């Protein structure tokens, strides 16, 4: 683990420790002071946009943003896959725009023209490549400047709608609809950064046009969360969604397998995502025996040493398979580790509550049309 990742991991442990040590209490105090300062800056910036002091740029097409309040782990990428796929399936010409977190280099880059994936994950970021691979016919553009990225998408492809992935806090680009995701298992992330995981105060929900509660089926209190959301942002439609496993992609044999092929099989889970616990629940939910796991930070760049460690750990656990997520598979770049086959447990987002209200609020299809 890199030095920066170790520091972040220690800070998170200190922030959440039930019986903190003296050192952790000191770190927690410093983080709390920093959170107050951070919150003040965020409120000032939002006030600038709300009062028209900071300029927003419009694009000549509908812009639908899928974002959240917290740092990672709410299911944005599966949501964008579902919404962009539904819109494209309904005959709309759409594009996806995102920052391209974790990529090398800067500037606006075309990841997919809808026909071919033009960049690898190092140049585009893992999420962008995953979206490009899973959305045939949908161009994908990355860029820190979402306005410039959106303009490129408009100039090249003339879309009816752009889906902005993880852009709720990127307010310079005007959007026609904002969908904010909240994870039912950890909706408010223990407060503001860096003490907690929130990018902005919970009152930011008032800017949302619709709210989607993800991992609706994973415990927590979805109905209680719905009431709390209604108290903060009254009148906004609130939907519920689950991440449904659909297939196993065997990277070793380069073919798809049914979920039943994992039932009763000892597996070793590898992930570098925002919510690894959710992935582990999904693995158990399909009937696999979770023999062990390795958890890395979100967007972690796997080294040869990491791959060796995965294979050896899976061997020690007597696991028959190594399973990972779609996003991690992009960075893992291998289908075999120490003789253990590697498989991706693929999931799709399914809206189980409030689909019609969400569709009306967003102005685009939110479910695939059949027949």
Foldseek 3Di string as FASTA:
>chain_A
DDPVQVVLVLLQCLLPPPDHDPVSVVSLVVFVVVQVVLQVVLVVVVVCVVVVVAAADEDPAAEEEEAAFFDFDQCLLLQCLLQVQQQVLVPFQEAEEEALPQAPDADKDWQDPLADGDDASNHRNLSQNLSSVSRRRYTYMHHNLRVVNVVVCCVRGVGNYYYYGHCLSVRNYDHLFYEYEAELVCGQFSHGPPSGGGSYDPLSLQVHQAYEYEQQPVDHDVVVVVVVSCVSHNPHHYFYKYWAFAWKQFPVVRHIHHLQVQAAFEEEEEEAGDDVVVVVVNSVVSRHHDLYYDYHHHSDQDDPVNLQVSLVVCVVSVGQAYEYASSVCSRVVDQAGVNHGYMYRYIHMDIDTDQVSVCVSSVGHSHHDDD
